[in-house]
Amino acid sequence: MSGSWVGPDGHWSNHGRPEARTALDEARRRGWWFRKATGHGFGTVRCQPPEAGPEACSVPIFSTSGASDGSDTAAAIRRAIRRCPHCAEPDEPTSAEDAGALVEKARNCVGLAELLLEAGDQARYAADYLLEAERFADEADRYLALAVEADEASEQAFAEAGALAVATGEDAGGGVSILIDAAVDAVEAASQRLKGERSAYALRLRGAIKGVREDAARLRARMDGANGGRKS
């Protein structure tokens, strides 16, 4: 026993299988009519209202036949819709589902565009960083060469200091400040011993004492600068 025909704007029964439900919804949106059946049959769809006569296209719908997802039933419905000479193509969008799909497509396009823009920005950043890296690499090479040169000069100065310490018998292990103090003490003592001397040799020694004092002052200032102004 079957029920009465229900138009596309009425309430259609829900099929138990998802693919069949989707195809039935497509038929409803195309203006088809539905009549509920009982028993093994689920119902019938036809492309025109019942008063249009027997020439309308119709498809019997079963509840449990075919694939368990209803894809076989869906294929039969869509085939009838596709072949029907009485159906007009629906306007777009035809339903909230169509609008939702369009919104989702728009979101995907926006997301993709944003990712492409971000990728472009990051590519430009990478290029800028590479240029900076090359510039700093050149600077690093130059400073490395200067460091090697300074290290070699340091080794040479230490070697000369050691040789001078051996030659003079002075102890270089006390540090720069102690050596400067020792130099100042020595020239002060020498200056005391030269009091009253008028010989040419004494005059030359006084000139040397002045030079040692100037060198000591220069070295102390240099040491203070290296220590950030703190004496050690």
C-alpha atoms as a PDB file:
ATOM      1  CA  MET A   1       0.000   0.000   0.000  1.00  0.00           C
ATOM      2  CA  SER A   2       1.334   3.423  -0.907  1.00  0.00           C
ATOM      3  CA  GLY A   3       0.793   6.912   0.457  1.00  0.00           C
ATOM      4  CA  SER A   4      -0.135  10.037  -1.452  1.00  0.00           C
ATOM      5  CA  TRP A   5       2.217  11.993  -3.663  1.00  0.00           C
ATOM      6  CA  VAL A   6       4.282  14.719  -1.993  1.00  0.00           C
ATOM      7  CA  GLY A   7       5.659  17.615  -4.008  1.00  0.00           C
ATOM      8  CA  PRO A   8       9.206  19.025  -3.904  1.00  0.00           C
ATOM      9  CA  ASP A   9       8.206  21.520  -1.219  1.00  0.00           C
ATOM     10  CA  GLY A  10       6.643  18.866   1.045  1.00  0.00           C
ATOM     11  CA  HIS A  11       8.216  16.531   3.558  1.00  0.00           C
ATOM     12  CA  TRP A  12       9.884  13.428   2.064  1.00  0.00           C
ATOM     13  CA  SER A  13      10.720  10.410   4.178  1.00  0.00           C
ATOM     14  CA  ASN A  14      14.403   9.916   4.911  1.00  0.00           C
ATOM     15  CA  HIS A  15      16.026   6.914   3.260  1.00  0.00           C
ATOM     16  CA  GLY A  16      18.117   4.743   5.570  1.00  0.00           C
ATOM     17  CA  ARG A  17      21.169   4.832   3.309  1.00  0.00           C
ATOM     18  CA  PRO A  18      23.213   8.053   2.894  1.00  0.00           C
ATOM     19  CA  GLU A  19      23.893   7.954  -0.851  1.00  0.00           C
ATOM     20  CA  ALA A  20      20.247   7.273  -1.585  1.00  0.00           C
ATOM     21  CA  ARG A  21      19.234  10.170   0.689  1.00  0.00           C
ATOM     22  CA  THR A  22      21.527  12.528  -1.204  1.00  0.00           C
ATOM     23  CA  ALA A  23      20.189  11.463  -4.597  1.00  0.00           C
ATOM     24  CA  LEU A  24      16.579  11.803  -3.388  1.00  0.00           C
ATOM     25  CA  ASP A  25      17.361  15.323  -2.221  1.00  0.00           C
ATOM     26  CA  GLU A  26      18.748  16.101  -5.668  1.00  0.00           C
ATOM     27  CA  ALA A  27      15.516  14.819  -7.241  1.00  0.00           C
ATOM     28  CA  ARG A  28      13.429  16.930  -4.867  1.00  0.00           C
ATOM     29  CA  ARG A  29      15.441  20.034  -5.791  1.00  0.00           C
ATOM     30  CA  ARG A  30      14.848  19.263  -9.451  1.00  0.00           C
ATOM     31  CA  GLY A  31      11.088  19.415  -8.837  1.00  0.00           C
ATOM     32  CA  TRP A  32      10.367  15.682  -8.627  1.00  0.00           C
ATOM     33  CA  TRP A  33       7.534  14.201  -6.565  1.00  0.00           C
ATOM     34  CA  PHE A  34       7.697  11.421  -4.016  1.00  0.00           C
ATOM     35  CA  ARG A  35       5.232   8.767  -2.814  1.00  0.00           C
ATOM     36  CA  LYS A  36       6.016   6.658   0.220  1.00  0.00           C
ATOM     37  CA  ALA A  37       5.609   2.867  -0.079  1.00  0.00           C
ATOM     38  CA  THR A  38       5.405   0.140   2.557  1.00  0.00           C
ATOM     39  CA  GLY A  39       7.174  -3.195   2.922  1.00  0.00           C
ATOM     40  CA  HIS A  40      10.388  -3.820   0.993  1.00  0.00           C
ATOM     41  CA  GLY A  41       9.785  -0.816  -1.219  1.00  0.00           C
ATOM     42  CA  PHE A  42      10.732   2.611   0.074  1.00  0.00           C
ATOM     43  CA  GLY A  43       8.706   4.626  -2.404  1.00  0.00           C
ATOM     44  CA  THR A  44       8.608   6.060  -5.917  1.00  0.00           C
ATOM     45  CA  VAL A  45       9.797   9.344  -7.394  1.00  0.00           C
ATOM     46  CA  ARG A  46       8.422  10.891 -10.570  1.00  0.00           C
ATOM     47  CA  CYS A  47       9.427  14.007 -12.481  1.00  0.00           C
ATOM     48  CA  GLN A  48       5.951  15.594 -12.635  1.00  0.00           C
ATOM     49  CA  PRO A  49       2.878  15.863 -10.398  1.00  0.00           C
ATOM     50  CA  PRO A  50       0.432  12.948 -10.539  1.00  0.00           C
ATOM     51  CA  GLU A  51      -2.096  14.843 -12.668  1.00  0.00           C
ATOM     52  CA  ALA A  52       0.486  15.087 -15.471  1.00  0.00           C
ATOM     53  CA  GLY A  53      -0.322  11.539 -16.525  1.00  0.00           C
ATOM     54  CA  PRO A  54       1.614   8.340 -17.135  1.00  0.00           C
ATOM     55  CA  GLU A  55       4.192   9.941 -19.474  1.00  0.00           C
ATOM     56  CA  ALA A  56       6.163  11.307 -16.485  1.00  0.00           C
ATOM     57  CA  CYS A  57       9.464   9.609 -15.669  1.00  0.00           C
ATOM     58  CA  SER A  58       9.383   7.537 -12.505  1.00  0.00           C
ATOM     59  CA  VAL A  59      11.833   5.427 -10.479  1.00  0.00           C
ATOM     60  CA  PRO A  60      10.920   2.839  -7.816  1.00  0.00           C
ATOM     61  CA  ILE A  61      13.063   3.188  -4.686  1.00  0.00           C
ATOM     62  CA  PHE A  62      13.839   0.213  -2.463  1.00  0.00           C
ATOM     63  CA  SER A  63      14.919   0.285   1.168  1.00  0.00           C
ATOM     64  CA  THR A  64      17.578  -2.432   1.210  1.00  0.00           C
ATOM     65  CA  SER A  65      18.540  -3.395  -2.329  1.00  0.00           C
ATOM     66  CA  GLY A  66      22.031  -2.879  -3.761  1.00  0.00           C
ATOM     67  CA  ALA A  67      25.091  -1.551  -1.947  1.00  0.00           C
ATOM     68  CA  SER A  68      24.800  -0.930   1.771  1.00  0.00           C
ATOM     69  CA  ASP A  69      25.551   2.791   1.382  1.00  0.00           C
ATOM     70  CA  GLY A  70      22.701   3.205  -1.113  1.00  0.00           C
ATOM     71  CA  SER A  71      25.020   4.048  -4.002  1.00  0.00           C
ATOM     72  CA  ASP A  72      23.226   1.670  -6.409  1.00  0.00           C
ATOM     73  CA  THR A  73      19.872   3.280  -5.617  1.00  0.00           C
ATOM     74  CA  ALA A  74      21.481   6.739  -5.943  1.00  0.00           C
ATOM     75  CA  ALA A  75      22.884   5.816  -9.365  1.00  0.00           C
ATOM     76  CA  ALA A  76      19.425   4.758 -10.586  1.00  0.00           C
ATOM     77  CA  ILE A  77      17.853   8.018  -9.375  1.00  0.00           C
ATOM     78  CA  ARG A  78      20.558  10.193 -10.931  1.00  0.00           C
ATOM     79  CA  ARG A  79      20.363   8.255 -14.179  1.00  0.00           C
ATOM     80  CA  ALA A  80      16.631   8.928 -14.377  1.00  0.00           C
ATOM     81  CA  ILE A  81      17.168  12.607 -13.584  1.00  0.00           C
ATOM     82  CA  ARG A  82      19.868  12.879 -16.240  1.00  0.00           C
ATOM     83  CA  ARG A  83      17.744  11.206 -18.913  1.00  0.00           C
ATOM     84  CA  CYS A  84      14.479  12.939 -18.048  1.00  0.00           C
ATOM     85  CA  PRO A  85      13.264  15.204 -20.887  1.00  0.00           C
ATOM     86  CA  HIS A  86      10.819  17.004 -18.604  1.00  0.00           C
ATOM     87  CA  CYS A  87      13.229  18.412 -16.008  1.00  0.00           C
ATOM     88  CA  ALA A  88      14.638  21.903 -16.174  1.00  0.00           C
ATOM     89  CA  GLU A  89      18.129  22.582 -14.897  1.00  0.00           C
ATOM     90  CA  PRO A  90      17.972  24.116 -11.389  1.00  0.00           C
ATOM     91  CA  ASP A  91      19.168  27.617 -10.672  1.00  0.00           C
ATOM     92  CA  GLU A  92      22.448  27.964  -8.728  1.00  0.00           C
ATOM     93  CA  PRO A  93      22.702  27.764  -5.867  1.00  0.00           C
ATOM     94  CA  THR A  94      19.762  25.391  -5.447  1.00  0.00           C
ATOM     95  CA  SER A  95      19.999  24.787  -1.696  1.00  0.00           C
ATOM     96  CA  ALA A  96      21.756  25.610   1.532  1.00  0.00           C
ATOM     97  CA  GLU A  97      24.103  22.689   0.813  1.00  0.00           C
ATOM     98  CA  ASP A  98      25.150  24.289  -2.491  1.00  0.00           C
ATOM     99  CA  ALA A  99      25.695  27.620  -0.749  1.00  0.00           C
ATOM    100  CA  GLY A 100      27.723  25.874   1.941  1.00  0.00           C
ATOM    101  CA  ALA A 101      29.897  24.244  -0.682  1.00  0.00           C
ATOM    102  CA  LEU A 102      30.491  27.627  -2.326  1.00  0.00           C
ATOM    103  CA  VAL A 103      31.402  29.186   1.017  1.00  0.00           C
ATOM    104  CA  GLU A 104      33.790  26.326   1.707  1.00  0.00           C
ATOM    105  CA  LYS A 105      35.361  26.796  -1.717  1.00  0.00           C
ATOM    106  CA  ALA A 106      35.753  30.522  -1.005  1.00  0.00           C
ATOM    107  CA  ARG A 107      37.408  29.775   2.330  1.00  0.00           C
ATOM    108  CA  ASN A 108      39.779  27.331   0.684  1.00  0.00           C
ATOM    109  CA  CYS A 109      40.694  29.906  -1.959  1.00  0.00           C
ATOM    110  CA  VAL A 110      41.322  32.558   0.685  1.00  0.00           C
ATOM    111  CA  GLY A 111      43.398  30.138   2.754  1.00  0.00           C
ATOM    112  CA  LEU A 112      45.438  29.131  -0.272  1.00  0.00           C
ATOM    113  CA  ALA A 113      45.964  32.763  -1.275  1.00  0.00           C
ATOM    114  CA  GLU A 114      47.107  33.593   2.254  1.00  0.00           C
ATOM    115  CA  LEU A 115      49.552  30.683   2.251  1.00  0.00           C
ATOM    116  CA  LEU A 116      50.942  31.747  -1.117  1.00  0.00           C
ATOM    117  CA  LEU A 117      51.392  35.311   0.126  1.00  0.00           C
ATOM    118  CA  GLU A 118      53.107  34.027   3.269  1.00  0.00           C
ATOM    119  CA  ALA A 119      55.343  31.791   1.161  1.00  0.00           C
ATOM    120  CA  GLY A 120      56.273  34.769  -1.016  1.00  0.00           C
ATOM    121  CA  ASP A 121      57.051  36.895   2.040  1.00  0.00           C
ATOM    122  CA  GLN A 122      59.183  34.170   3.574  1.00  0.00           C
ATOM    123  CA  ALA A 123      61.037  33.683   0.284  1.00  0.00           C
ATOM    124  CA  ARG A 124      61.862  37.401   0.224  1.00  0.00           C
ATOM    125  CA  TYR A 125      63.000  37.246   3.844  1.00  0.00           C
ATOM    126  CA  ALA A 126      65.211  34.275   3.007  1.00  0.00           C
ATOM    127  CA  ALA A 127      66.803  36.184   0.116  1.00  0.00           C
ATOM    128  CA  ASP A 128      67.437  39.201   2.355  1.00  0.00           C
ATOM    129  CA  TYR A 129      68.954  37.014   5.067  1.00  0.00           C
ATOM    130  CA  LEU A 130      71.220  35.343   2.538  1.00  0.00           C
ATOM    131  CA  LEU A 131      72.471  38.737   1.382  1.00  0.00           C
ATOM    132  CA  GLU A 132      73.118  39.724   4.997  1.00  0.00           C
ATOM    133  CA  ALA A 133      74.872  36.418   5.630  1.00  0.00           C
ATOM    134  CA  GLU A 134      77.141  36.983   2.635  1.00  0.00           C
ATOM    135  CA  ARG A 135      77.936  40.505   3.839  1.00  0.00           C
ATOM    136  CA  PHE A 136      78.721  39.325   7.347  1.00  0.00           C
ATOM    137  CA  ALA A 137      80.715  36.409   5.951  1.00  0.00           C
ATOM    138  CA  ASP A 138      82.966  38.921   4.180  1.00  0.00           C
ATOM    139  CA  GLU A 139      83.239  40.897   7.436  1.00  0.00           C
ATOM    140  CA  ALA A 140      83.955  37.696   9.347  1.00  0.00           C
ATOM    141  CA  ASP A 141      86.761  36.791   6.944  1.00  0.00           C
ATOM    142  CA  ARG A 142      88.279  40.245   7.356  1.00  0.00           C
ATOM    143  CA  TYR A 143      88.068  40.139  11.152  1.00  0.00           C
ATOM    144  CA  LEU A 144      89.415  36.611  11.191  1.00  0.00           C
ATOM    145  CA  ALA A 145      92.437  37.764   9.201  1.00  0.00           C
ATOM    146  CA  LEU A 146      92.926  40.646  11.648  1.00  0.00           C
ATOM    147  CA  ALA A 147      92.623  38.241  14.582  1.00  0.00           C
ATOM    148  CA  VAL A 148      95.252  35.932  13.090  1.00  0.00           C
ATOM    149  CA  GLU A 149      97.536  38.904  12.485  1.00  0.00           C
ATOM    150  CA  ALA A 150      97.032  40.181  16.043  1.00  0.00           C
ATOM    151  CA  ASP A 151      97.641  36.719  17.470  1.00  0.00           C
ATOM    152  CA  GLU A 152     100.901  36.434  15.559  1.00  0.00           C
ATOM    153  CA  ALA A 153     101.923  39.889  16.768  1.00  0.00           C
ATOM    154  CA  SER A 154     101.048  38.890  20.329  1.00  0.00           C
ATOM    155  CA  GLU A 155     103.192  35.791  20.133  1.00  0.00           C
ATOM    156  CA  GLN A 156     106.060  37.835  18.751  1.00  0.00           C
ATOM    157  CA  ALA A 157     105.707  40.443  21.538  1.00  0.00           C
ATOM    158  CA  PHE A 158     105.648  37.737  24.218  1.00  0.00           C
ATOM    159  CA  ALA A 159     108.734  36.190  22.676  1.00  0.00           C
ATOM    160  CA  GLU A 160     110.533  39.540  22.647  1.00  0.00           C
ATOM    161  CA  ALA A 161     109.468  40.176  26.254  1.00  0.00           C
ATOM    162  CA  GLY A 162     110.828  36.821  27.279  1.00  0.00           C
ATOM    163  CA  ALA A 163     114.098  37.462  25.487  1.00  0.00           C
ATOM    164  CA  LEU A 164     114.380  40.886  27.119  1.00  0.00           C
ATOM    165  CA  ALA A 165     113.640  39.416  30.541  1.00  0.00           C
ATOM    166  CA  VAL A 166     116.388  36.857  30.061  1.00  0.00           C
ATOM    167  CA  ALA A 167     118.816  39.479  28.786  1.00  0.00           C
ATOM    168  CA  THR A 168     118.135  41.949  31.589  1.00  0.00           C
ATOM    169  CA  GLY A 169     117.441  39.539  34.411  1.00  0.00           C
ATOM    170  CA  GLU A 170     114.091  41.208  35.105  1.00  0.00           C
ATOM    171  CA  ASP A 171     111.106  39.102  36.230  1.00  0.00           C
ATOM    172  CA  ALA A 172     108.304  39.477  33.671  1.00  0.00           C
ATOM    173  CA  GLY A 173     105.964  37.253  35.658  1.00  0.00           C
ATOM    174  CA  GLY A 174     104.748  40.017  37.943  1.00  0.00           C
ATOM    175  CA  GLY A 175     102.633  41.678  35.316  1.00  0.00           C
ATOM    176  CA  VAL A 176     102.609  45.005  33.512  1.00  0.00           C
ATOM    177  CA  SER A 177     101.723  47.196  36.475  1.00  0.00           C
ATOM    178  CA  ILE A 178     104.587  45.869  38.600  1.00  0.00           C
ATOM    179  CA  LEU A 179     107.061  46.341  35.747  1.00  0.00           C
ATOM    180  CA  ILE A 180     105.894  49.956  35.231  1.00  0.00           C
ATOM    181  CA  ASP A 181     106.243  50.628  38.952  1.00  0.00           C
ATOM    182  CA  ALA A 182     109.708  49.076  38.909  1.00  0.00           C
ATOM    183  CA  ALA A 183     110.684  51.270  35.930  1.00  0.00           C
ATOM    184  CA  VAL A 184     109.464  54.435  37.699  1.00  0.00           C
ATOM    185  CA  ASP A 185     111.235  53.470  40.922  1.00  0.00           C
ATOM    186  CA  ALA A 186     114.452  52.826  38.998  1.00  0.00           C
ATOM    187  CA  VAL A 187     114.455  56.189  37.196  1.00  0.00           C
ATOM    188  CA  GLU A 188     113.574  58.008  40.431  1.00  0.00           C
ATOM    189  CA  ALA A 189     116.535  56.368  42.110  1.00  0.00           C
ATOM    190  CA  ALA A 190     118.710  57.222  39.108  1.00  0.00           C
ATOM    191  CA  SER A 191     117.528  60.822  39.240  1.00  0.00           C
ATOM    192  CA  GLN A 192     118.545  61.047  42.887  1.00  0.00           C
ATOM    193  CA  ARG A 193     121.981  59.715  42.120  1.00  0.00           C
ATOM    194  CA  LEU A 194     122.474  62.292  39.337  1.00  0.00           C
ATOM    195  CA  LYS A 195     121.986  65.288  41.625  1.00  0.00           C
ATOM    196  CA  GLY A 196     124.946  67.651  41.277  1.00  0.00           C
ATOM    197  CA  GLU A 197     126.324  65.774  38.240  1.00  0.00           C
ATOM    198  CA  ARG A 198     127.215  68.054  35.297  1.00  0.00           C
ATOM    199  CA  SER A 199     128.906  65.675  32.922  1.00  0.00           C
ATOM    200  CA  ALA A 200     127.710  65.003  29.383  1.00  0.00           C
ATOM    201  CA  TYR A 201     126.903  61.463  30.398  1.00  0.00           C
ATOM    202  CA  ALA A 202     124.713  62.747  33.246  1.00  0.00           C
ATOM    203  CA  LEU A 203     122.866  65.009  30.790  1.00  0.00           C
ATOM    204  CA  ARG A 204     122.180  62.039  28.495  1.00  0.00           C
ATOM    205  CA  LEU A 205     120.937  60.008  31.450  1.00  0.00           C
ATOM    206  CA  ARG A 206     118.564  62.766  32.488  1.00  0.00           C
ATOM    207  CA  GLY A 207     117.146  62.745  28.936  1.00  0.00           C
ATOM    208  CA  ALA A 208     116.719  58.968  29.156  1.00  0.00           C
ATOM    209  CA  ILE A 209     115.006  59.317  32.567  1.00  0.00           C
ATOM    210  CA  LYS A 210     112.526  61.748  31.035  1.00  0.00           C
ATOM    211  CA  GLY A 211     111.859  59.309  28.195  1.00  0.00           C
ATOM    212  CA  VAL A 212     111.288  56.427  30.621  1.00  0.00           C
ATOM    213  CA  ARG A 213     108.850  58.506  32.670  1.00  0.00           C
ATOM    214  CA  GLU A 214     106.896  59.410  29.512  1.00  0.00           C
ATOM    215  CA  ASP A 215     106.849  55.781  28.376  1.00  0.00           C
ATOM    216  CA  ALA A 216     105.698  54.655  31.826  1.00  0.00           C
ATOM    217  CA  ALA A 217     102.879  57.227  31.817  1.00  0.00           C
ATOM    218  CA  ARG A 218     101.856  56.167  28.297  1.00  0.00           C
ATOM    219  CA  LEU A 219     101.876  52.487  29.198  1.00  0.00           C
ATOM    220  CA  ARG A 220      99.886  53.083  32.387  1.00  0.00           C
ATOM    221  CA  ALA A 221      97.261  55.031  30.443  1.00  0.00           C
ATOM    222  CA  ARG A 222      97.119  52.256  27.879  1.00  0.00           C
ATOM    223  CA  MET A 223      96.742  49.647  30.624  1.00  0.00           C
ATOM    224  CA  ASP A 224      93.983  51.669  32.310  1.00  0.00           C
ATOM    225  CA  GLY A 225      92.141  51.923  28.980  1.00  0.00           C
ATOM    226  CA  ALA A 226      92.399  48.173  28.431  1.00  0.00           C
ATOM    227  CA  ASN A 227      90.979  47.625  31.916  1.00  0.00           C
ATOM    228  CA  GLY A 228      88.052  49.971  31.333  1.00  0.00           C
ATOM    229  CA  GLY A 229      89.619  52.720  33.407  1.00  0.00           C
ATOM    230  CA  ARG A 230      90.329  50.417  36.369  1.00  0.00           C
ATOM    231  CA  LYS A 231      93.914  50.246  37.555  1.00  0.00           C
ATOM    232  CA  SER A 232      95.361  46.830  38.269  1.00  0.00           C
END
